[in-house]
Amino acid sequence: MMTDFVIAGAGHNSLITACYLTKAGFSCTIIDARHIPGGGCATEEVLGQGYKIDTCSTGHTLILQNPIISQDELGLVKEFGLSYLHPDPVAHVALPDGEQITMTLDPQETAMEFSRYSQKDAESYLTLLKEFDELKPMLGQARSQPLGMGPSLKQLLEGHKRGAIWQRRQAMSARDVIMREFESEHVRAFMGWMAFQTAVPIDQAGTGFLPYQITAPRQARSWSIPKGGSGKLTDGLVSYLTSRGARFELSKKIEKLIFDGRKCVGVACSNGKEYKAKQGVVSTIHVKHLIDMAPNDFWDENFRFCVDTYNVGVPFFASYLATTTAPIFETPRGPKSAVSAGYAGWLSDLVQSGRDIYDGKLSSDISWLLVATPTLVDPDRAPNGNHTVKFLTHTIYDLPGSGANGWSSFKEEFTDRLIKKIQKFCPTFTDDVILNKLIKSPVDIEAWNPHMINGAPHGGDRSITFSGEQRPVPGWAQHRMPIEGLWQTGGTTHPGGSITGYPGRNAAKVIFSDLGIDPSKHMF
């Protein structure tokens, strides 16, 4: 049966696009290589029955600003039961000299933490939050519109009375912003840890907004997580789609695009099955793979060059644990725990770790580590009062000069290093509390989801070279591809990876526009 649209890939963004298309009355067939939908927005029982593990994303703070949630445009909250938890403390970070900083939902309390190191930094932090209030509406407006369908962030900044300040900050690196605004090495390390959350090296030009746009929303609403797991967002989207007749074809790997002349009319899978569409194909396939799915002459020299030079981003290393207790940090002010915790090296160490990654060099020490324990506020994710704990760090794709073994012969030892790093601050988190674990090196992450090339889950570097009108290719950043009947969404499109839903919603706007449909009929 021919459908109106084939949705190539079932990540959260392409599911969102499909939801709006079905809302408008179009039929959709969603195809994905994995056995479950969701891509990087999935919760799986990979460590045994009852242990609900977020196998990629956990925090959903950014999507809460998207009308899909803030206005509940699709009824995910009211009709399908999606709900969010807002943990307090927001974060707890240990530092190289044993000092530790706790961020709570009370901004004054967080500033008091900073004042233990510098009163000036406490004041600078409150100023940062206040200043973000003037940037936030411009960021929201720019992200919630496809490029070219509304004023760009640059245009909005040019019209603001302090626009030149924000334009300069945007072009700066996060490292330089942090160095200018804060004086204490402890506070700088904490802010560097926050800024590195999106896995863009913090000394890259164009990362200057990160200390603002990551820290301030978390200060306002925490590192928000879906109750029941990251996959609950996917569950809501899938329920919306199936209730409206959408069809899912899972465990089917797309190999190539199908054309009628030079128009894309479907996809062909590795099992020989073909799926055709009346209107066209919406792809969330990584652009570096997508380009190989059509004849070479369907892309011009400009497009091919820009895809070839597209930076896939920083690889992740993930360790998933089932434990009998959560990591509890011992501090002079009493025990502390947080859903979002971790370790940060000094700011110079964080900068060097990013440089090491892009130089293909394994850093001598761990400088950035996220320890996520959602069961602290969502105990139903594990049985018998136990916990799920996820360790994430950034590293190189594979080990230099390691031959065929690579990470496979070293990942256990590397995970032990991560655990020992936290055990220095969490003395009750001993080896015997770990019941089970699953380790994914960047090589394993790529094998689990080929869209995450080199084990990088965010769809590509988001420094100035690969953002905005540059993402994924200059001239093709509006979700349309150079091939008629082919649209692109997902992390390789503006505004990038993470769980934001903006690429999916924006792609739907573009498709409606291309079909002569007023997007406002189906979204706010």
Protein backbone atom coordinates (compact mmCIF):
# COMPACT_ATOMS: atom_id res chain seq x y z
CA MET A 1 0.00 0.00 0.00
CA MET A 2 1.42 3.37 -1.04
CA THR A 3 1.49 6.00 1.68
CA ASP A 4 1.60 9.79 1.48
CA PHE A 5 4.98 10.02 3.22
CA VAL A 6 7.75 7.60 4.03
CA ILE A 7 9.53 8.62 7.23
CA ALA A 8 13.10 7.34 6.98
CA GLY A 9 14.23 6.86 10.57
CA ALA A 10 12.25 6.87 13.82
CA GLY A 11 14.16 9.32 16.00
CA HIS A 12 12.11 11.71 18.10
CA ASN A 13 12.39 14.52 15.55
CA SER A 14 11.13 12.51 12.58
CA LEU A 15 8.33 11.10 14.75
CA ILE A 16 7.34 14.68 15.59
CA THR A 17 7.31 15.59 11.89
CA ALA A 18 5.16 12.53 11.21
CA CYS A 19 2.75 13.51 13.99
CA TYR A 20 2.07 16.88 12.41
CA LEU A 21 1.68 15.29 8.98
CA THR A 22 -0.86 12.79 10.28
CA LYS A 23 -2.60 15.61 12.16
CA ALA A 24 -3.05 17.26 8.75
CA GLY A 25 -4.56 14.06 7.35
CA PHE A 26 -1.56 12.56 5.57
CA SER A 27 -0.70 8.88 5.89
CA CYS A 28 2.80 7.92 7.02
CA THR A 29 4.95 4.82 7.09
CA ILE A 30 7.84 5.05 9.55
CA ILE A 31 10.87 2.82 8.90
CA ASP A 32 13.80 2.23 11.24
CA ALA A 33 16.72 -0.17 11.44
CA ARG A 34 16.31 -0.72 15.17
CA HIS A 35 13.74 -3.04 16.71
CA ILE A 36 12.18 -0.16 18.62
CA PRO A 37 11.41 3.44 17.61
CA GLY A 38 12.95 6.47 19.24
CA GLY A 39 16.58 6.47 18.13
CA GLY A 40 18.47 8.28 20.90
CA CYS A 41 15.25 8.83 22.85
CA ALA A 42 14.75 5.30 24.17
CA THR A 43 14.43 3.49 27.48
CA GLU A 44 15.35 -0.20 27.41
CA GLU A 45 15.71 -3.05 29.91
CA VAL A 46 19.29 -3.84 28.89
CA LEU A 47 20.39 -4.83 32.42
CA GLY A 48 17.57 -7.15 33.32
CA GLN A 49 13.84 -7.04 33.90
CA GLY A 50 12.64 -3.92 35.64
CA TYR A 51 15.80 -1.86 35.11
CA LYS A 52 14.66 0.91 32.77
CA ILE A 53 17.83 2.34 31.25
CA ASP A 54 17.96 5.46 29.11
CA THR A 55 20.32 4.13 26.46
CA CYS A 56 21.13 7.60 25.13
CA SER A 57 19.35 10.78 26.21
CA THR A 58 18.14 11.31 29.77
CA GLY A 59 17.63 15.06 30.27
CA HIS A 60 14.84 16.81 28.34
CA THR A 61 15.12 20.39 29.61
CA LEU A 62 15.23 22.01 26.17
CA ILE A 63 12.08 20.40 24.73
CA LEU A 64 9.99 21.84 27.55
CA GLN A 65 10.26 25.23 25.81
CA ASN A 66 8.97 23.75 22.52
CA PRO A 67 5.21 24.29 21.88
CA ILE A 68 4.91 20.54 21.45
CA ILE A 69 5.22 20.42 25.26
CA SER A 70 4.68 24.01 26.45
CA GLN A 71 1.39 24.25 24.48
CA ASP A 72 0.79 20.47 24.38
CA GLU A 73 0.11 20.80 20.65
CA LEU A 74 -0.20 17.05 20.13
CA GLY A 75 -1.84 16.17 23.43
CA LEU A 76 1.19 14.19 24.57
CA VAL A 77 0.64 15.39 28.14
CA LYS A 78 -3.15 15.52 28.37
CA GLU A 79 -4.05 12.60 26.12
CA PHE A 80 -1.05 10.26 26.36
CA GLY A 81 0.19 10.85 29.90
CA LEU A 82 3.66 12.27 29.31
CA SER A 83 4.90 14.01 32.45
CA TYR A 84 8.18 15.48 33.63
CA LEU A 85 10.10 15.50 36.89
CA HIS A 86 12.29 18.44 37.90
CA PRO A 87 14.94 17.17 40.32
CA ASP A 88 16.37 19.31 43.09
CA PRO A 89 19.37 19.52 43.45
CA VAL A 90 19.86 20.30 39.79
CA ALA A 91 23.49 19.15 39.73
CA HIS A 92 26.37 18.20 41.98
CA VAL A 93 29.94 18.33 40.66
CA ALA A 94 33.17 17.17 42.28
CA LEU A 95 36.44 18.95 41.49
CA PRO A 96 40.10 17.86 41.37
CA ASP A 97 41.09 19.17 44.82
CA GLY A 98 38.16 17.48 46.56
CA GLU A 99 35.91 20.55 46.58
CA GLN A 100 32.33 20.04 45.43
CA ILE A 101 29.63 22.39 44.17
CA THR A 102 25.88 21.81 44.42
CA MET A 103 23.41 23.62 42.19
CA THR A 104 19.84 23.79 43.49
CA LEU A 105 16.63 25.22 42.09
CA ASP A 106 17.06 28.22 44.36
CA PRO A 107 19.33 30.62 42.43
CA GLN A 108 20.32 32.45 45.61
CA GLU A 109 21.36 29.15 47.17
CA THR A 110 23.44 28.29 44.10
CA ALA A 111 25.04 31.73 44.23
CA MET A 112 25.88 31.09 47.90
CA GLU A 113 27.72 27.94 46.79
CA PHE A 114 29.77 30.05 44.40
CA SER A 115 30.42 32.65 47.10
CA ARG A 116 32.42 30.06 49.06
CA TYR A 117 35.05 30.61 46.37
CA SER A 118 34.33 34.16 45.21
CA GLN A 119 31.67 36.71 46.13
CA LYS A 120 32.24 38.33 42.76
CA ASP A 121 31.46 35.03 41.02
CA ALA A 122 28.25 34.69 43.02
CA GLU A 123 27.18 38.11 41.77
CA SER A 124 28.32 37.31 38.23
CA TYR A 125 26.21 34.15 38.27
CA LEU A 126 23.05 36.02 39.23
CA THR A 127 23.84 38.56 36.52
CA LEU A 128 24.24 35.73 33.99
CA LEU A 129 20.77 34.44 34.87
CA LYS A 130 19.24 37.89 34.62
CA GLU A 131 20.92 38.60 31.30
CA PHE A 132 19.72 35.31 29.86
CA ASP A 133 16.15 36.55 30.34
CA GLU A 134 16.73 39.04 27.52
CA LEU A 135 18.31 36.42 25.24
CA LYS A 136 15.80 33.64 25.93
CA PRO A 137 12.86 34.96 23.86
CA MET A 138 15.13 35.65 20.89
CA LEU A 139 16.64 32.15 21.10
CA GLY A 140 13.18 30.63 21.37
CA GLN A 141 11.86 32.56 18.39
CA ALA A 142 14.86 31.67 16.24
CA ARG A 143 14.83 27.98 17.15
CA SER A 144 11.07 27.52 16.74
CA GLN A 145 11.05 28.75 13.15
CA PRO A 146 12.74 27.11 10.16
CA LEU A 147 15.55 29.22 8.77
CA GLY A 148 14.10 31.67 6.27
CA MET A 149 10.53 31.48 7.63
CA GLY A 150 11.07 34.09 10.32
CA PRO A 151 13.75 36.48 11.55
CA SER A 152 17.10 34.83 12.17
CA LEU A 153 18.83 35.07 15.52
CA LYS A 154 21.30 37.45 13.92
CA GLN A 155 18.47 39.72 12.81
CA LEU A 156 16.84 39.57 16.23
CA LEU A 157 20.11 40.42 17.93
CA GLU A 158 20.73 43.30 15.54
CA GLY A 159 17.43 44.79 16.61
CA HIS A 160 18.11 44.48 20.35
CA LYS A 161 19.52 47.36 22.37
CA ARG A 162 22.30 45.10 23.69
CA GLY A 163 22.52 43.09 20.50
CA ALA A 164 26.19 43.80 19.85
CA ILE A 165 27.09 42.30 23.25
CA TRP A 166 25.19 39.12 22.45
CA GLN A 167 26.57 38.92 18.92
CA ARG A 168 30.09 39.06 20.34
CA ARG A 169 29.28 36.46 22.99
CA GLN A 170 27.77 34.17 20.37
CA ALA A 171 30.97 34.29 18.31
CA MET A 172 33.23 33.77 21.34
CA SER A 173 34.09 30.41 22.84
CA ALA A 174 32.46 29.16 26.03
CA ARG A 175 35.92 29.04 27.55
CA ASP A 176 36.52 32.73 26.87
CA VAL A 177 33.10 33.71 28.22
CA ILE A 178 33.72 31.74 31.42
CA MET A 179 37.20 33.20 31.83
CA ARG A 180 35.81 36.73 31.47
CA GLU A 181 32.80 36.36 33.75
CA PHE A 182 34.26 34.25 36.59
CA GLU A 183 37.51 34.42 38.54
CA SER A 184 37.54 31.33 40.79
CA GLU A 185 39.04 28.17 39.30
CA HIS A 186 36.35 26.16 41.09
CA VAL A 187 33.47 28.12 39.62
CA ARG A 188 35.13 28.14 36.21
CA ALA A 189 35.41 24.34 36.35
CA PHE A 190 31.73 23.99 37.28
CA MET A 191 30.64 26.31 34.46
CA GLY A 192 32.93 24.45 32.06
CA TRP A 193 31.29 21.16 33.06
CA MET A 194 27.88 22.67 32.30
CA ALA A 195 29.00 24.14 28.98
CA PHE A 196 30.48 20.81 27.79
CA GLN A 197 27.09 19.06 28.18
CA THR A 198 26.35 19.35 24.46
CA ALA A 199 29.69 17.73 23.61
CA VAL A 200 31.13 20.65 21.67
CA PRO A 201 34.72 21.47 22.70
CA ILE A 202 34.35 24.58 24.81
CA ASP A 203 37.22 26.47 23.18
CA GLN A 204 35.49 26.37 19.78
CA ALA A 205 34.33 29.67 18.29
CA GLY A 206 30.56 29.98 18.38
CA THR A 207 30.06 28.20 21.73
CA GLY A 208 29.85 31.39 23.76
CA PHE A 209 26.11 31.06 24.43
CA LEU A 210 26.52 27.66 26.10
CA PRO A 211 27.27 28.93 29.63
CA TYR A 212 24.00 30.88 29.37
CA GLN A 213 21.66 28.60 27.44
CA ILE A 214 22.52 25.43 29.33
CA THR A 215 22.94 26.80 32.84
CA ALA A 216 20.03 29.26 33.00
CA PRO A 217 17.24 26.88 31.85
CA ARG A 218 18.48 24.26 34.30
CA GLN A 219 18.54 26.84 37.05
CA ALA A 220 14.94 27.67 36.16
CA ARG A 221 13.51 24.15 35.85
CA SER A 222 16.31 21.64 36.54
CA TRP A 223 17.67 18.82 34.39
CA SER A 224 14.12 17.73 33.64
CA ILE A 225 13.47 14.06 32.94
CA PRO A 226 10.34 12.22 31.74
CA LYS A 227 8.70 10.16 34.45
CA GLY A 228 9.29 6.52 33.51
CA GLY A 229 12.26 7.16 31.24
CA SER A 230 13.37 9.10 28.20
CA GLY A 231 11.44 6.66 26.02
CA LYS A 232 8.15 7.93 27.44
CA LEU A 233 8.38 10.83 24.99
CA THR A 234 8.75 8.31 22.18
CA ASP A 235 5.85 6.25 23.58
CA GLY A 236 3.61 9.31 23.45
CA LEU A 237 4.60 10.12 19.87
CA VAL A 238 4.12 6.50 18.77
CA SER A 239 0.70 6.36 20.45
CA TYR A 240 -0.31 9.55 18.69
CA LEU A 241 0.79 8.14 15.34
CA THR A 242 -0.74 4.68 15.68
CA SER A 243 -4.05 6.19 16.86
CA ARG A 244 -4.13 8.05 13.56
CA GLY A 245 -3.29 5.10 11.36
CA ALA A 246 0.46 5.51 10.88
CA ARG A 247 2.34 2.30 10.14
CA PHE A 248 5.70 1.27 11.64
CA GLU A 249 8.22 -0.98 9.88
CA LEU A 250 11.01 -1.76 12.35
CA SER A 251 14.22 -3.82 12.07
CA LYS A 252 14.47 -2.71 8.45
CA LYS A 253 17.64 -0.97 7.36
CA ILE A 254 17.25 1.57 4.57
CA GLU A 255 19.90 1.14 1.88
CA LYS A 256 18.93 3.59 -0.84
CA LEU A 257 16.40 6.11 -2.03
CA ILE A 258 13.98 5.31 -4.86
CA PHE A 259 13.39 7.81 -7.67
CA ASP A 260 10.88 8.51 -10.38
CA GLY A 261 13.07 10.47 -12.74
CA ARG A 262 14.84 12.82 -10.35
CA LYS A 263 12.09 12.92 -7.73
CA CYS A 264 12.45 10.89 -4.54
CA VAL A 265 9.42 8.63 -4.19
CA GLY A 266 10.48 6.08 -1.61
CA VAL A 267 13.19 3.94 -0.02
CA ALA A 268 14.58 0.45 -0.51
CA CYS A 269 15.68 -1.67 2.45
CA SER A 270 18.46 -4.21 2.76
CA ASN A 271 15.92 -7.06 2.79
CA GLY A 272 14.78 -6.03 -0.69
CA LYS A 273 11.52 -4.48 0.49
CA GLU A 274 10.56 -1.16 -1.07
CA TYR A 275 8.31 1.53 0.39
CA LYS A 276 6.91 4.21 -1.88
CA ALA A 277 5.19 7.50 -1.14
CA LYS A 278 2.89 9.85 -3.02
CA GLN A 279 4.35 13.05 -1.58
CA GLY A 280 7.94 12.08 -0.76
CA VAL A 281 10.39 11.05 1.93
CA VAL A 282 11.21 12.70 5.26
CA SER A 283 14.69 11.61 6.29
CA THR A 284 16.44 11.64 9.63
CA ILE A 285 19.27 9.55 8.20
CA HIS A 286 22.64 11.10 8.96
CA VAL A 287 23.55 13.36 6.04
CA LYS A 288 26.87 11.53 5.60
CA HIS A 289 24.92 8.32 4.97
CA LEU A 290 22.10 9.97 3.05
CA ILE A 291 24.44 11.23 0.35
CA ASP A 292 25.41 7.62 -0.49
CA MET A 293 21.78 6.62 -1.01
CA ALA A 294 21.34 8.52 -4.29
CA PRO A 295 23.37 8.60 -7.49
CA ASN A 296 26.38 10.88 -7.22
CA ASP A 297 25.10 13.29 -9.87
CA PHE A 298 21.96 14.00 -7.82
CA TRP A 299 24.14 16.15 -5.52
CA ASP A 300 26.22 18.99 -6.90
CA GLU A 301 29.85 19.70 -6.07
CA ASN A 302 28.93 22.21 -3.35
CA PHE A 303 26.69 19.78 -1.50
CA ARG A 304 29.16 16.89 -1.73
CA PHE A 305 32.07 19.03 -0.50
CA CYS A 306 30.11 20.35 2.47
CA VAL A 307 28.93 16.89 3.51
CA ASP A 308 32.46 15.56 3.17
CA THR A 309 33.75 18.32 5.49
CA TYR A 310 30.84 18.06 7.97
CA ASN A 311 32.16 17.35 11.47
CA VAL A 312 30.21 14.47 13.05
CA GLY A 313 31.08 15.68 16.55
CA VAL A 314 32.49 14.32 19.78
CA PRO A 315 32.14 10.59 20.55
CA PHE A 316 30.63 9.39 23.82
CA PHE A 317 31.60 6.50 26.09
CA ALA A 318 28.69 5.11 28.13
CA SER A 319 28.59 2.73 31.09
CA TYR A 320 25.20 1.59 32.38
CA LEU A 321 24.95 0.17 35.89
CA ALA A 322 22.31 -1.59 37.95
CA THR A 323 23.14 -0.92 41.60
CA THR A 324 21.79 -1.42 45.10
CA THR A 325 22.54 2.18 46.07
CA ALA A 326 22.95 5.54 44.41
CA PRO A 327 26.24 7.47 44.35
CA ILE A 328 26.19 9.61 47.53
CA PHE A 329 28.80 12.35 47.64
CA GLU A 330 30.38 13.07 51.03
CA THR A 331 30.93 16.79 51.64
CA PRO A 332 31.75 18.96 54.69
CA ARG A 333 28.14 20.13 54.45
CA GLY A 334 26.73 16.63 54.61
CA PRO A 335 25.91 13.94 52.04
CA LYS A 336 24.73 15.09 48.62
CA SER A 337 23.12 13.31 45.71
CA ALA A 338 21.72 14.50 42.40
CA VAL A 339 20.12 12.97 39.33
CA SER A 340 22.71 14.93 37.34
CA ALA A 341 26.09 14.68 39.07
CA GLY A 342 29.66 14.22 37.98
CA TYR A 343 33.24 15.32 37.94
CA ALA A 344 34.98 18.28 36.31
CA GLY A 345 38.66 18.93 35.84
CA TRP A 346 39.93 22.49 35.92
CA LEU A 347 38.84 24.63 32.98
CA SER A 348 42.20 24.14 31.26
CA ASP A 349 41.78 20.37 31.63
CA LEU A 350 38.31 20.51 30.09
CA VAL A 351 39.65 22.53 27.17
CA GLN A 352 42.53 20.12 26.67
CA SER A 353 40.22 17.10 26.70
CA GLY A 354 38.28 18.56 23.77
CA ARG A 355 41.50 19.23 21.89
CA ASP A 356 42.70 15.68 22.59
CA ILE A 357 39.51 14.25 21.11
CA TYR A 358 39.83 16.18 17.86
CA ASP A 359 43.54 15.25 17.76
CA GLY A 360 42.63 11.55 18.13
CA LYS A 361 44.52 11.30 21.41
CA LEU A 362 43.26 9.49 24.52
CA SER A 363 43.52 11.95 27.41
CA SER A 364 45.71 10.87 30.31
CA ASP A 365 42.92 11.62 32.79
CA ILE A 366 39.14 11.99 32.82
CA SER A 367 38.22 15.67 32.88
CA TRP A 368 34.48 15.55 32.18
CA LEU A 369 32.15 12.94 33.61
CA LEU A 370 28.36 12.89 33.93
CA VAL A 371 26.79 10.49 36.44
CA ALA A 372 23.04 10.21 35.88
CA THR A 373 20.89 8.52 38.52
CA PRO A 374 17.24 9.09 37.57
CA THR A 375 16.00 6.58 40.15
CA LEU A 376 16.72 9.16 42.86
CA VAL A 377 13.45 10.85 41.86
CA ASP A 378 11.85 8.12 39.74
CA PRO A 379 12.22 4.92 41.80
CA ASP A 380 9.96 2.85 39.55
CA ARG A 381 12.79 2.66 37.01
CA ALA A 382 14.42 -0.11 39.07
CA PRO A 383 13.05 -3.02 41.14
CA ASN A 384 13.47 -3.63 44.87
CA GLY A 385 14.57 -0.11 45.73
CA ASN A 386 17.64 -0.44 43.51
CA HIS A 387 19.03 2.15 41.13
CA THR A 388 20.05 2.74 37.53
CA VAL A 389 23.26 4.75 37.11
CA LYS A 390 24.73 5.96 33.84
CA PHE A 391 28.30 7.17 33.44
CA LEU A 392 28.96 9.32 30.35
CA THR A 393 32.18 10.89 29.17
CA HIS A 394 33.63 12.25 25.94
CA THR A 395 36.55 10.49 24.32
CA ILE A 396 38.06 9.40 21.02
CA TYR A 397 36.32 7.06 18.58
CA ASP A 398 38.87 4.27 18.87
CA LEU A 399 42.28 3.78 20.37
CA PRO A 400 45.24 4.82 18.19
CA GLY A 401 47.55 2.01 17.16
CA SER A 402 45.38 -0.61 18.82
CA GLY A 403 44.80 -2.82 15.80
CA ALA A 404 41.66 -4.91 15.66
CA ASN A 405 41.05 -4.92 19.41
CA GLY A 406 40.64 -1.23 20.05
CA TRP A 407 38.14 -0.40 22.76
CA SER A 408 36.99 -4.01 23.02
CA SER A 409 40.10 -4.92 25.02
CA PHE A 410 40.19 -1.72 27.09
CA LYS A 411 36.64 -0.60 27.76
CA GLU A 412 36.29 -2.60 31.01
CA GLU A 413 39.42 -0.97 32.39
CA PHE A 414 38.28 2.44 31.20
CA THR A 415 34.90 2.02 32.94
CA ASP A 416 36.73 1.03 36.13
CA ARG A 417 38.63 4.32 35.88
CA LEU A 418 35.37 6.24 35.65
CA ILE A 419 33.90 4.42 38.63
CA LYS A 420 37.06 4.91 40.71
CA LYS A 421 37.00 8.62 39.90
CA ILE A 422 33.57 8.89 41.53
CA GLN A 423 34.35 6.48 44.36
CA LYS A 424 36.88 9.04 45.67
CA PHE A 425 33.93 11.28 46.49
CA CYS A 426 31.28 8.59 47.09
CA PRO A 427 32.83 6.14 49.60
CA THR A 428 29.63 4.07 49.94
CA PHE A 429 29.49 3.49 46.18
CA THR A 430 31.73 0.45 46.40
CA ASP A 431 32.26 -2.23 43.78
CA ASP A 432 29.92 -4.62 45.58
CA VAL A 433 26.88 -2.35 45.11
CA ILE A 434 27.13 -2.86 41.34
CA LEU A 435 24.84 -5.75 40.37
CA ASN A 436 25.27 -5.59 36.61
CA LYS A 437 26.73 -3.33 33.95
CA LEU A 438 26.76 -2.77 30.21
CA ILE A 439 29.58 -0.83 28.57
CA LYS A 440 29.36 0.95 25.23
CA SER A 441 32.50 2.42 23.75
CA PRO A 442 32.04 4.88 20.87
CA VAL A 443 32.50 1.93 18.50
CA ASP A 444 29.67 0.08 20.26
CA ILE A 445 27.42 3.15 20.20
CA GLU A 446 27.88 3.45 16.44
CA ALA A 447 27.12 -0.26 15.99
CA TRP A 448 23.97 0.13 18.12
CA ASN A 449 22.81 3.09 16.04
CA PRO A 450 24.74 3.79 12.79
CA HIS A 451 23.20 7.28 12.72
CA MET A 452 25.60 8.06 15.61
CA ILE A 453 28.69 8.09 13.43
CA ASN A 454 31.88 7.55 15.45
CA GLY A 455 29.69 7.15 18.53
CA ALA A 456 28.70 10.84 18.45
CA PRO A 457 25.00 11.10 19.39
CA HIS A 458 24.30 14.81 18.77
CA GLY A 459 24.17 14.79 14.96
CA GLY A 460 27.32 16.82 14.49
CA ASP A 461 29.54 19.51 15.95
CA ARG A 462 27.67 22.72 16.81
CA SER A 463 30.50 25.21 16.67
CA ILE A 464 30.09 28.19 14.36
CA THR A 465 31.19 26.24 11.27
CA PHE A 466 28.29 23.78 11.53
CA SER A 467 25.44 25.81 13.01
CA GLY A 468 22.52 27.83 11.69
CA GLU A 469 22.69 28.36 7.94
CA GLN A 470 25.74 26.08 7.81
CA ARG A 471 23.85 23.01 9.10
CA PRO A 472 24.18 20.59 7.45
CA VAL A 473 25.13 22.39 4.21
CA PRO A 474 25.08 26.11 3.34
CA GLY A 475 22.09 26.76 1.12
CA TRP A 476 20.33 23.62 2.32
CA ALA A 477 19.61 24.41 5.97
CA GLN A 478 15.83 24.76 5.58
CA HIS A 479 15.00 21.02 5.78
CA ARG A 480 14.73 20.76 1.99
CA MET A 481 17.32 18.67 0.20
CA PRO A 482 18.57 19.26 -3.37
CA ILE A 483 16.38 16.38 -4.51
CA GLU A 484 12.69 16.99 -5.14
CA GLY A 485 10.47 15.04 -2.74
CA LEU A 486 13.18 14.71 -0.08
CA TRP A 487 13.15 16.60 3.21
CA GLN A 488 15.64 16.29 6.07
CA THR A 489 15.16 16.57 9.85
CA GLY A 490 16.95 15.32 12.95
CA GLY A 491 20.19 16.25 14.66
CA THR A 492 22.04 17.14 11.45
CA THR A 493 19.61 20.03 10.88
CA HIS A 494 19.08 23.36 12.66
CA PRO A 495 19.26 23.85 15.63
CA GLY A 496 21.06 20.52 16.13
CA GLY A 497 21.01 17.48 18.38
CA SER A 498 19.79 16.91 21.96
CA ILE A 499 16.14 16.38 22.84
CA THR A 500 14.59 19.63 21.63
CA GLY A 501 12.00 18.56 19.06
CA TYR A 502 12.69 21.74 17.11
CA PRO A 503 14.11 20.06 13.97
CA GLY A 504 11.03 17.84 13.78
CA ARG A 505 8.48 20.60 14.29
CA ASN A 506 10.31 22.98 11.97
CA ALA A 507 10.56 20.37 9.22
CA ALA A 508 6.79 19.92 9.38
CA LYS A 509 6.36 23.67 8.87
CA VAL A 510 8.55 23.57 5.77
CA ILE A 511 6.72 20.57 4.31
CA PHE A 512 3.35 22.22 4.90
CA SER A 513 4.62 25.37 3.22
CA ASP A 514 5.95 23.41 0.24
CA LEU A 515 2.57 21.72 -0.15
CA GLY A 516 0.71 25.03 0.01
CA ILE A 517 -0.70 24.38 3.49
CA ASP A 518 -0.77 27.07 6.17
CA PRO A 519 1.27 25.63 9.09
CA SER A 520 -0.79 27.64 11.59
CA LYS A 521 -3.75 25.36 10.90
CA HIS A 522 -1.94 22.52 12.63
CA MET A 523 0.36 24.21 15.17
CA PHE A 524 0.47 27.34 17.27
